[in-house]
Every structure is written in structure tokens, then in C-alpha cells.
């Protein structure tokens, strides 16, 4: 999957570094929850990320995290693993592009 920069409204561009830092923090929380199979926390963390990803123009993040959340709801461990790996690569992309 090729990652793309967000299509962010001009008024929000200055907020992107902080948004990315919060996303990294949420990813770290997701990593811990994933490591202990805490489905409730994984769903809540995904919900938090989804609450702001699209409003900042991060449609790819929205799509990836929706896939994780769907897999969590279905208790599809293979799906969670696949999309978690994609999200981890996306987070690395965010670090390079925005920090």
C-alpha cells in the first residue's frame, strides 16, 4: 500500500505535528492492547483515532483503523494482525512526513 499525505484544510495544517504525536501515542496504546488481546481497549482506541482522523484529512488512516476496528469487533485475530502491521507502517510514514 502506498501512503499519501493528508488532504488537510489550510486552517488545520499548523496542528498536524501535534495530531501526529497524539496518533503515535494512541498507536503505542493500541500496541499494548494488541499484545495482551484486550479487545475492549483496542476498540476504544480505534474509536478515538477515528474521531479525528478524517476531520484532519487522513482518509487512509481512517480506512486502516476502520479495518482494525472491524476485525476487533469480529474477534478476527488474523485480520487484526494484518491491519495492525499496515498501521504500524503508516505510523512510520507519518513520523517521516510530519515530524
Protein backbone atom coordinates (compact mmCIF):
# COMPACT_ATOMS: atom_id res chain seq x y z
CA UNK A 1 0.00 0.00 0.00
CA UNK A 2 1.36 3.41 -0.98
CA UNK A 3 0.78 6.03 1.69
CA UNK A 4 -0.20 9.60 0.88
CA UNK A 5 -0.07 12.86 2.76
CA UNK A 6 -3.34 14.04 4.21
CA UNK A 7 -5.52 16.47 2.32
CA UNK A 8 -5.85 18.88 5.21
CA UNK A 9 -7.70 22.19 5.25
CA UNK A 10 -5.33 25.14 5.34
CA UNK A 11 -6.62 26.22 8.76
CA UNK A 12 -5.55 22.89 10.31
CA UNK A 13 -2.08 22.49 8.76
CA UNK A 14 -0.32 24.03 11.77
CA UNK A 15 -1.96 21.48 14.05
CA UNK A 16 -0.71 18.42 12.15
CA UNK A 17 2.51 17.80 14.13
CA UNK A 18 0.54 17.66 17.39
CA UNK A 19 -2.14 15.48 15.82
CA UNK A 20 0.55 13.07 14.59
CA UNK A 21 2.13 12.98 18.07
CA UNK A 22 -1.25 12.10 19.60
CA UNK A 23 -1.74 9.45 16.93
CA UNK A 24 1.64 7.93 17.77
CA UNK A 25 0.65 7.86 21.44
CA UNK A 26 -2.63 6.15 20.55
CA UNK A 27 -0.73 3.66 18.39
CA UNK A 28 1.51 2.82 21.35
CA UNK A 29 -1.60 2.20 23.47
CA UNK A 30 -3.02 0.07 20.66
CA UNK A 31 0.24 -1.89 20.54
CA UNK A 32 -0.01 -2.70 24.23
CA UNK A 33 -3.69 -3.69 23.97
CA UNK A 34 -2.92 -5.81 20.90
CA UNK A 35 -0.11 -7.54 22.76
CA UNK A 36 -2.45 -8.69 25.54
CA UNK A 37 -5.52 -9.34 23.33
CA UNK A 38 -7.50 -6.59 25.06
CA UNK A 39 -10.34 -6.27 22.55
CA UNK A 40 -12.24 -3.68 24.57
CA UNK A 41 -9.27 -1.31 24.73
CA UNK A 42 -8.40 -1.91 21.06
CA UNK A 43 -11.94 -0.96 20.05
CA UNK A 44 -11.89 2.17 22.24
CA UNK A 45 -8.50 3.27 20.92
CA UNK A 46 -9.64 2.78 17.33
CA UNK A 47 -12.76 4.80 18.10
CA UNK A 48 -10.59 7.63 19.48
CA UNK A 49 -8.38 7.68 16.40
CA UNK A 50 -11.35 7.55 14.05
CA UNK A 51 -12.91 10.51 15.84
CA UNK A 52 -10.36 12.88 14.40
CA UNK A 53 -8.51 11.19 11.52
CA UNK A 54 -11.00 12.10 8.82
CA UNK A 55 -11.53 15.65 10.11
CA UNK A 56 -7.79 16.29 9.65
CA UNK A 57 -7.91 14.82 6.15
CA UNK A 58 -6.28 11.48 6.96
CA UNK A 59 -8.57 9.29 4.88
CA UNK A 60 -6.01 6.46 4.64
CA UNK A 61 -5.66 6.39 8.41
CA UNK A 62 -9.44 6.32 8.70
CA UNK A 63 -9.65 3.37 6.30
CA UNK A 64 -6.86 1.40 8.01
CA UNK A 65 -8.17 1.94 11.52
CA UNK A 66 -11.71 1.06 10.42
CA UNK A 67 -10.31 -2.28 9.20
CA UNK A 68 -8.66 -2.86 12.57
CA UNK A 69 -11.82 -1.93 14.45
CA UNK A 70 -13.96 -4.21 12.27
CA UNK A 71 -11.55 -7.09 12.87
CA UNK A 72 -11.59 -6.39 16.62
CA UNK A 73 -15.38 -6.43 16.73
CA UNK A 74 -15.37 -9.76 14.88
CA UNK A 75 -12.51 -11.09 17.07
CA UNK A 76 -10.67 -11.83 13.82
CA UNK A 77 -7.11 -12.14 15.13
CA UNK A 78 -5.63 -12.63 11.66
CA UNK A 79 -7.41 -9.52 10.38
CA UNK A 80 -6.24 -7.53 13.39
CA UNK A 81 -2.66 -8.67 12.77
CA UNK A 82 -2.72 -7.80 9.07
CA UNK A 83 -4.16 -4.31 9.57
CA UNK A 84 -2.06 -3.64 12.68
CA UNK A 85 1.06 -4.24 10.56
CA UNK A 86 -0.25 -1.87 7.89
CA UNK A 87 -1.00 0.74 10.55
CA UNK A 88 2.49 0.38 12.05
CA UNK A 89 3.99 1.13 8.63
CA UNK A 90 1.61 4.07 8.24
CA UNK A 91 2.73 5.46 11.62
CA UNK A 92 6.35 5.30 10.42
CA UNK A 93 5.28 7.19 7.30
CA UNK A 94 3.60 9.84 9.50
CA UNK A 95 6.78 10.30 11.52
CA UNK A 96 8.85 10.90 8.40
CA UNK A 97 6.34 13.21 6.76
CA UNK A 98 5.15 15.35 9.66
CA UNK A 99 7.72 15.34 12.48
